[in-house]
N, C-alpha and C. Protein backbone atom coordinates (compact mmCIF):
# COMPACT_ATOMS: atom_id res chain seq x y z
N MET A 1 119.79 114.26 27.33
CA MET A 1 119.21 113.39 26.33
C MET A 1 118.02 112.62 26.90
N LYS A 2 118.16 112.12 28.16
CA LYS A 2 117.07 111.40 28.80
C LYS A 2 115.87 112.31 28.98
N SER A 3 116.08 113.59 29.30
CA SER A 3 114.98 114.54 29.49
C SER A 3 114.20 114.72 28.21
N ILE A 4 114.89 114.83 27.09
CA ILE A 4 114.22 115.00 25.80
C ILE A 4 113.40 113.77 25.47
N LEU A 5 113.94 112.59 25.70
CA LEU A 5 113.23 111.35 25.42
C LEU A 5 111.99 111.23 26.31
N ILE A 6 112.12 111.55 27.57
CA ILE A 6 110.98 111.48 28.49
C ILE A 6 109.91 112.48 28.08
N LEU A 7 110.31 113.70 27.73
CA LEU A 7 109.37 114.71 27.28
C LEU A 7 108.65 114.26 26.01
N ALA A 8 109.37 113.68 25.08
CA ALA A 8 108.77 113.18 23.84
C ALA A 8 107.75 112.09 24.13
N LEU A 9 108.07 111.19 25.05
CA LEU A 9 107.14 110.12 25.41
C LEU A 9 105.89 110.67 26.08
N ILE A 10 106.05 111.68 26.91
CA ILE A 10 104.90 112.30 27.57
C ILE A 10 103.99 112.95 26.54
N ILE A 11 104.56 113.66 25.58
CA ILE A 11 103.77 114.33 24.54
C ILE A 11 103.02 113.29 23.70
N VAL A 12 103.71 112.23 23.29
CA VAL A 12 103.06 111.18 22.51
C VAL A 12 101.93 110.56 23.31
N ASN A 13 102.17 110.29 24.58
CA ASN A 13 101.16 109.67 25.43
C ASN A 13 99.95 110.59 25.60
N LEU A 14 100.17 111.88 25.81
CA LEU A 14 99.06 112.83 25.96
C LEU A 14 98.25 112.91 24.67
N ASN A 15 98.91 112.93 23.53
CA ASN A 15 98.20 112.99 22.26
C ASN A 15 97.36 111.75 22.02
N SER A 16 97.84 110.59 22.43
CA SER A 16 97.08 109.36 22.22
C SER A 16 95.88 109.28 23.14
N CYS A 17 95.86 110.04 24.23
CA CYS A 17 94.72 110.05 25.16
C CYS A 17 93.65 111.06 24.75
N ASN A 18 93.88 111.84 23.75
CA ASN A 18 92.94 112.87 23.34
C ASN A 18 91.78 112.22 22.60
N THR A 19 90.63 112.04 23.28
CA THR A 19 89.49 111.36 22.68
C THR A 19 88.63 112.28 21.84
N SER A 20 88.88 113.58 21.87
CA SER A 20 88.06 114.49 21.08
C SER A 20 88.51 114.55 19.62
N LYS A 21 89.65 113.97 19.32
CA LYS A 21 90.11 113.96 17.93
C LYS A 21 89.24 113.03 17.10
N ILE A 22 89.09 113.36 15.86
CA ILE A 22 88.31 112.53 14.94
C ILE A 22 89.27 111.79 14.04
N ASP A 23 89.03 110.51 13.91
CA ASP A 23 89.80 109.69 12.99
C ASP A 23 89.49 110.20 11.58
N THR A 24 90.51 110.59 10.86
CA THR A 24 90.28 111.17 9.53
C THR A 24 90.53 110.14 8.43
N SER A 25 90.21 108.89 8.70
CA SER A 25 90.36 107.89 7.65
C SER A 25 89.37 108.19 6.53
N HIS A 26 89.60 107.59 5.40
CA HIS A 26 88.83 107.87 4.19
C HIS A 26 87.32 107.71 4.40
N ASP A 27 86.88 106.59 4.99
CA ASP A 27 85.44 106.37 5.18
C ASP A 27 84.82 107.42 6.07
N ILE A 28 85.51 107.81 7.12
CA ILE A 28 84.96 108.82 8.01
C ILE A 28 84.80 110.15 7.28
N LEU A 29 85.76 110.51 6.47
CA LEU A 29 85.65 111.76 5.70
C LEU A 29 84.51 111.70 4.70
N ARG A 30 84.17 110.50 4.21
CA ARG A 30 83.04 110.36 3.28
C ARG A 30 81.71 110.65 3.95
N LEU A 31 81.65 110.57 5.28
CA LEU A 31 80.41 110.88 5.99
C LEU A 31 80.07 112.36 5.91
N HIS A 32 81.10 113.21 5.75
CA HIS A 32 80.91 114.66 5.72
C HIS A 32 80.17 115.02 4.43
N ASP A 33 78.84 115.02 4.53
CA ASP A 33 78.03 115.23 3.33
C ASP A 33 76.59 115.49 3.72
N ILE A 34 75.75 115.57 2.70
CA ILE A 34 74.30 115.71 2.89
C ILE A 34 73.66 114.40 2.45
N TRP A 35 72.79 113.87 3.31
CA TRP A 35 72.18 112.56 3.10
C TRP A 35 70.66 112.68 3.17
N ALA A 36 69.97 112.09 2.19
CA ALA A 36 68.50 112.08 2.17
C ALA A 36 68.00 110.74 2.68
N LEU A 37 67.03 110.78 3.56
CA LEU A 37 66.47 109.56 4.14
C LEU A 37 65.81 108.70 3.07
N GLN A 38 66.14 107.44 3.07
CA GLN A 38 65.52 106.47 2.16
C GLN A 38 64.57 105.53 2.91
N GLU A 39 64.95 105.20 4.16
CA GLU A 39 64.16 104.23 4.90
C GLU A 39 64.38 104.37 6.41
N ILE A 40 63.29 104.21 7.15
CA ILE A 40 63.33 104.12 8.61
C ILE A 40 62.75 102.75 8.96
N ARG A 41 63.44 102.04 9.85
CA ARG A 41 62.92 100.76 10.33
C ARG A 41 62.62 100.88 11.82
N VAL A 42 61.42 100.47 12.20
CA VAL A 42 61.02 100.42 13.59
C VAL A 42 60.71 98.96 13.91
N ASP A 43 61.42 98.42 14.87
CA ASP A 43 61.30 96.99 15.22
C ASP A 43 61.52 96.11 13.99
N GLY A 44 62.45 96.51 13.14
CA GLY A 44 62.80 95.72 11.96
C GLY A 44 61.89 95.89 10.77
N ILE A 45 60.82 96.67 10.91
CA ILE A 45 59.84 96.84 9.83
C ILE A 45 59.97 98.24 9.25
N PRO A 46 60.14 98.35 7.91
CA PRO A 46 60.24 99.67 7.29
C PRO A 46 58.93 100.45 7.42
N LEU A 47 59.03 101.73 7.76
CA LEU A 47 57.85 102.59 7.79
C LEU A 47 57.52 103.04 6.38
N ASP A 48 56.25 103.17 6.10
CA ASP A 48 55.81 103.68 4.80
C ASP A 48 55.93 105.20 4.85
N ILE A 49 56.73 105.76 3.96
CA ILE A 49 56.96 107.21 3.94
C ILE A 49 56.32 107.79 2.69
N ASP A 50 55.33 108.64 2.87
CA ASP A 50 54.63 109.28 1.76
C ASP A 50 55.22 110.68 1.56
N TYR A 51 56.12 110.82 0.58
CA TYR A 51 56.79 112.10 0.37
C TYR A 51 55.90 113.13 -0.31
N GLN A 52 54.68 112.76 -0.69
CA GLN A 52 53.75 113.77 -1.19
C GLN A 52 53.12 114.53 -0.02
N GLN A 53 53.12 113.91 1.16
CA GLN A 53 52.57 114.53 2.35
C GLN A 53 53.65 115.08 3.28
N LEU A 54 54.91 114.76 2.98
CA LEU A 54 56.00 115.06 3.90
C LEU A 54 57.24 115.48 3.14
N LYS A 55 57.94 116.46 3.67
CA LYS A 55 59.24 116.84 3.10
C LYS A 55 60.22 115.70 3.42
N ARG A 56 61.11 115.39 2.48
CA ARG A 56 62.07 114.31 2.70
C ARG A 56 63.06 114.70 3.79
N PRO A 57 63.17 113.89 4.86
CA PRO A 57 64.15 114.18 5.90
C PRO A 57 65.58 114.15 5.36
N ILE A 58 66.37 115.10 5.79
CA ILE A 58 67.76 115.27 5.35
C ILE A 58 68.66 115.29 6.59
N LEU A 59 69.85 114.72 6.44
CA LEU A 59 70.85 114.77 7.50
C LEU A 59 72.14 115.30 6.90
N GLU A 60 72.65 116.37 7.47
CA GLU A 60 73.90 116.96 7.02
C GLU A 60 74.94 116.77 8.12
N LEU A 61 76.00 116.02 7.81
CA LEU A 61 77.04 115.72 8.79
C LEU A 61 78.24 116.63 8.56
N HIS A 62 78.64 117.34 9.60
CA HIS A 62 79.83 118.20 9.58
C HIS A 62 80.86 117.53 10.48
N ILE A 63 81.70 116.72 9.90
CA ILE A 63 82.62 115.87 10.65
C ILE A 63 83.62 116.67 11.47
N ASN A 64 84.28 117.64 10.89
CA ASN A 64 85.31 118.39 11.62
C ASN A 64 84.76 119.16 12.80
N ASP A 65 83.52 119.65 12.69
CA ASP A 65 82.90 120.41 13.77
C ASP A 65 82.10 119.52 14.72
N LYS A 66 81.97 118.24 14.36
CA LYS A 66 81.19 117.27 15.14
C LYS A 66 79.76 117.74 15.35
N GLU A 67 79.13 118.21 14.25
CA GLU A 67 77.76 118.72 14.30
C GLU A 67 76.92 118.07 13.22
N ILE A 68 75.61 118.04 13.48
CA ILE A 68 74.65 117.58 12.48
C ILE A 68 73.56 118.63 12.34
N PHE A 69 73.01 118.70 11.13
CA PHE A 69 71.91 119.59 10.81
C PHE A 69 70.97 118.84 9.89
N GLY A 70 69.82 119.40 9.66
CA GLY A 70 68.91 118.82 8.70
C GLY A 70 67.47 119.10 9.04
N ASN A 71 66.61 118.17 8.63
CA ASN A 71 65.20 118.27 8.97
C ASN A 71 64.64 116.86 9.16
N ASP A 72 63.55 116.79 9.89
CA ASP A 72 62.94 115.49 10.18
C ASP A 72 61.68 115.24 9.35
N GLY A 73 61.52 116.03 8.30
CA GLY A 73 60.34 115.93 7.47
C GLY A 73 59.32 117.00 7.81
N CYS A 74 59.48 117.60 8.97
CA CYS A 74 58.59 118.67 9.42
C CYS A 74 59.41 119.83 9.99
N ASN A 75 60.31 119.53 10.91
CA ASN A 75 61.08 120.54 11.63
C ASN A 75 62.56 120.49 11.29
N SER A 76 63.20 121.64 11.39
CA SER A 76 64.66 121.69 11.28
C SER A 76 65.24 121.09 12.54
N ILE A 77 66.35 120.34 12.40
CA ILE A 77 66.99 119.73 13.56
C ILE A 77 68.48 120.08 13.57
N PHE A 78 69.07 119.97 14.73
CA PHE A 78 70.51 120.19 14.88
C PHE A 78 70.97 119.41 16.11
N GLY A 79 72.25 119.10 16.14
CA GLY A 79 72.79 118.36 17.28
C GLY A 79 74.28 118.18 17.13
N SER A 80 74.82 117.30 17.96
CA SER A 80 76.26 117.06 17.95
C SER A 80 76.56 115.60 17.68
N ILE A 81 77.77 115.37 17.20
CA ILE A 81 78.28 114.02 17.06
C ILE A 81 79.10 113.76 18.32
N GLU A 82 78.66 112.82 19.12
CA GLU A 82 79.34 112.54 20.39
C GLU A 82 80.59 111.68 20.17
N THR A 83 80.43 110.59 19.44
CA THR A 83 81.56 109.71 19.15
C THR A 83 81.58 109.41 17.66
N LEU A 84 82.77 109.26 17.14
CA LEU A 84 82.92 108.93 15.73
C LEU A 84 84.25 108.20 15.54
N GLN A 85 84.14 106.94 15.15
CA GLN A 85 85.31 106.13 14.85
C GLN A 85 85.05 105.39 13.55
N LYS A 86 85.94 104.49 13.22
CA LYS A 86 85.90 103.84 11.91
C LYS A 86 84.52 103.27 11.55
N SER A 87 83.83 102.64 12.47
CA SER A 87 82.51 102.11 12.15
C SER A 87 81.46 102.46 13.20
N SER A 88 81.81 103.27 14.19
CA SER A 88 80.84 103.63 15.22
C SER A 88 80.60 105.13 15.23
N ILE A 89 79.35 105.48 15.55
CA ILE A 89 78.96 106.88 15.65
C ILE A 89 77.79 106.98 16.62
N THR A 90 77.79 108.01 17.43
CA THR A 90 76.64 108.31 18.28
C THR A 90 76.41 109.81 18.23
N PHE A 91 75.16 110.17 18.41
CA PHE A 91 74.77 111.57 18.38
C PHE A 91 74.40 112.03 19.78
N GLY A 92 74.70 113.29 20.08
CA GLY A 92 74.35 113.88 21.36
C GLY A 92 72.92 114.37 21.34
N LYS A 93 72.63 115.24 22.28
CA LYS A 93 71.28 115.79 22.37
C LYS A 93 70.94 116.54 21.10
N MET A 94 69.68 116.46 20.72
CA MET A 94 69.20 117.09 19.50
C MET A 94 68.23 118.20 19.86
N GLY A 95 68.21 119.21 19.02
CA GLY A 95 67.25 120.30 19.17
C GLY A 95 66.59 120.56 17.83
N GLY A 96 65.60 121.40 17.83
CA GLY A 96 64.96 121.72 16.57
C GLY A 96 63.79 122.66 16.75
N THR A 97 63.22 123.03 15.62
CA THR A 97 62.02 123.85 15.65
C THR A 97 60.86 122.98 16.12
N GLU A 98 59.74 123.60 16.44
CA GLU A 98 58.62 122.84 16.99
C GLU A 98 57.32 123.16 16.26
N MET A 99 57.36 123.06 14.94
CA MET A 99 56.14 123.27 14.17
C MET A 99 55.27 122.02 14.29
N ALA A 100 53.98 122.24 14.26
CA ALA A 100 53.05 121.11 14.27
C ALA A 100 52.71 120.76 12.83
N CYS A 101 52.92 119.52 12.47
CA CYS A 101 52.62 119.05 11.12
C CYS A 101 51.47 118.06 11.19
N PRO A 102 50.74 117.87 10.08
CA PRO A 102 49.58 116.98 10.09
C PRO A 102 49.90 115.55 10.56
N ASN A 103 51.07 115.05 10.18
CA ASN A 103 51.44 113.69 10.57
C ASN A 103 52.86 113.72 11.12
N MET A 104 52.99 113.48 12.41
CA MET A 104 54.30 113.55 13.07
C MET A 104 54.96 112.17 13.22
N THR A 105 54.34 111.13 12.70
CA THR A 105 54.86 109.77 12.87
C THR A 105 56.28 109.62 12.35
N ILE A 106 56.53 110.06 11.13
CA ILE A 106 57.86 109.93 10.53
C ILE A 106 58.86 110.82 11.27
N SER A 107 58.47 112.06 11.55
CA SER A 107 59.36 112.98 12.26
C SER A 107 59.78 112.42 13.61
N THR A 108 58.84 111.93 14.37
CA THR A 108 59.12 111.38 15.69
C THR A 108 59.99 110.12 15.58
N SER A 109 59.66 109.24 14.65
CA SER A 109 60.43 108.00 14.46
C SER A 109 61.86 108.30 14.01
N TYR A 110 62.01 109.29 13.17
CA TYR A 110 63.32 109.67 12.64
C TYR A 110 64.24 110.18 13.75
N THR A 111 63.76 111.14 14.54
CA THR A 111 64.61 111.69 15.60
C THR A 111 64.88 110.64 16.69
N LYS A 112 63.91 109.80 16.96
CA LYS A 112 64.12 108.72 17.93
C LYS A 112 65.19 107.74 17.42
N ALA A 113 65.13 107.41 16.15
CA ALA A 113 66.12 106.49 15.56
C ALA A 113 67.52 107.10 15.59
N LEU A 114 67.64 108.40 15.32
CA LEU A 114 68.96 109.04 15.37
C LEU A 114 69.59 108.90 16.75
N GLN A 115 68.79 108.95 17.79
CA GLN A 115 69.31 108.80 19.15
C GLN A 115 69.74 107.36 19.45
N GLN A 116 69.25 106.40 18.68
CA GLN A 116 69.58 104.99 18.89
C GLN A 116 70.79 104.54 18.08
N VAL A 117 71.28 105.38 17.18
CA VAL A 117 72.39 105.00 16.29
C VAL A 117 73.65 104.72 17.10
N ARG A 118 74.30 103.59 16.77
CA ARG A 118 75.55 103.21 17.42
C ARG A 118 76.66 102.90 16.42
N SER A 119 76.30 102.55 15.19
CA SER A 119 77.32 102.24 14.19
C SER A 119 76.79 102.56 12.81
N TYR A 120 77.69 102.53 11.84
CA TYR A 120 77.31 102.86 10.47
C TYR A 120 78.12 102.03 9.49
N LYS A 121 77.61 101.97 8.26
CA LYS A 121 78.34 101.39 7.14
C LYS A 121 78.07 102.27 5.93
N LEU A 122 79.07 102.41 5.09
CA LEU A 122 78.92 103.09 3.81
C LEU A 122 78.94 102.03 2.72
N LYS A 123 77.90 102.03 1.89
CA LYS A 123 77.82 101.10 0.77
C LYS A 123 77.51 101.91 -0.49
N GLY A 124 78.56 102.19 -1.26
CA GLY A 124 78.39 103.04 -2.44
C GLY A 124 77.95 104.42 -2.01
N LEU A 125 76.80 104.86 -2.51
CA LEU A 125 76.26 106.17 -2.16
C LEU A 125 75.26 106.09 -1.01
N ASN A 126 75.20 104.95 -0.33
CA ASN A 126 74.28 104.77 0.78
C ASN A 126 75.01 104.80 2.12
N LEU A 127 74.34 105.40 3.10
CA LEU A 127 74.81 105.43 4.48
C LEU A 127 73.77 104.69 5.30
N LEU A 128 74.20 103.65 6.00
CA LEU A 128 73.31 102.85 6.82
C LEU A 128 73.67 103.02 8.28
N PHE A 129 72.67 103.28 9.11
CA PHE A 129 72.87 103.40 10.55
C PHE A 129 72.27 102.20 11.24
N TYR A 130 72.97 101.73 12.30
CA TYR A 130 72.56 100.55 13.05
C TYR A 130 72.42 100.91 14.53
N ASN A 131 71.52 100.18 15.22
CA ASN A 131 71.35 100.38 16.65
C ASN A 131 72.30 99.48 17.44
N ALA A 132 72.16 99.44 18.75
CA ALA A 132 73.05 98.65 19.61
C ALA A 132 72.93 97.15 19.35
N LYS A 133 71.79 96.71 18.79
CA LYS A 133 71.60 95.29 18.47
C LYS A 133 72.11 94.96 17.07
N ASP A 134 72.78 95.92 16.42
CA ASP A 134 73.30 95.79 15.07
C ASP A 134 72.19 95.60 14.03
N GLU A 135 71.01 96.20 14.30
CA GLU A 135 69.89 96.18 13.36
C GLU A 135 69.90 97.48 12.57
N GLU A 136 69.73 97.38 11.28
CA GLU A 136 69.65 98.60 10.46
C GLU A 136 68.39 99.36 10.83
N ILE A 137 68.56 100.66 11.16
CA ILE A 137 67.39 101.46 11.53
C ILE A 137 67.16 102.66 10.61
N LEU A 138 68.22 103.13 9.95
CA LEU A 138 68.09 104.24 9.01
C LEU A 138 68.96 103.99 7.79
N ARG A 139 68.43 104.36 6.63
CA ARG A 139 69.19 104.25 5.38
C ARG A 139 69.06 105.58 4.64
N PHE A 140 70.23 106.11 4.22
CA PHE A 140 70.28 107.38 3.53
C PHE A 140 70.94 107.23 2.17
N LEU A 141 70.67 108.18 1.29
CA LEU A 141 71.32 108.28 -0.01
C LEU A 141 72.04 109.62 -0.07
N LYS A 142 73.29 109.59 -0.54
CA LYS A 142 74.06 110.82 -0.69
C LYS A 142 73.39 111.71 -1.73
N VAL A 143 73.20 112.99 -1.38
CA VAL A 143 72.52 113.89 -2.32
C VAL A 143 73.36 115.09 -2.70
N ASP A 144 74.53 115.26 -2.12
CA ASP A 144 75.35 116.41 -2.44
C ASP A 144 76.48 116.00 -3.36
């Protein structure tokens, strides 16, 4: 009987140490979607985004696979979700195509901001990303 109890405790302890598992709470599952960029903030100031000159940046989050896809307004992008918990998220290294577009300001700012993301909030159909200083840096609208 003691052996079974000890084995059960070891299994429970090993499962609780597994950091690669994703918390499947309701809010985290709501992230699994396609999001269209609404706003980028650099040093607290929103960038002016002219969507007549630029394709709207999109972020597609695949929670179970811990992957992201989308575009930065010019190039296709892809990467990984490094950490994901109830209110925190970080992205791993990103890759993408390397087309030259007339104005790379938004594309560069967007991918740089994604690397700075440390937390998120869901407000209705909006997804807000925050940096380490808890400043909002990206705002998305659910499009799927």
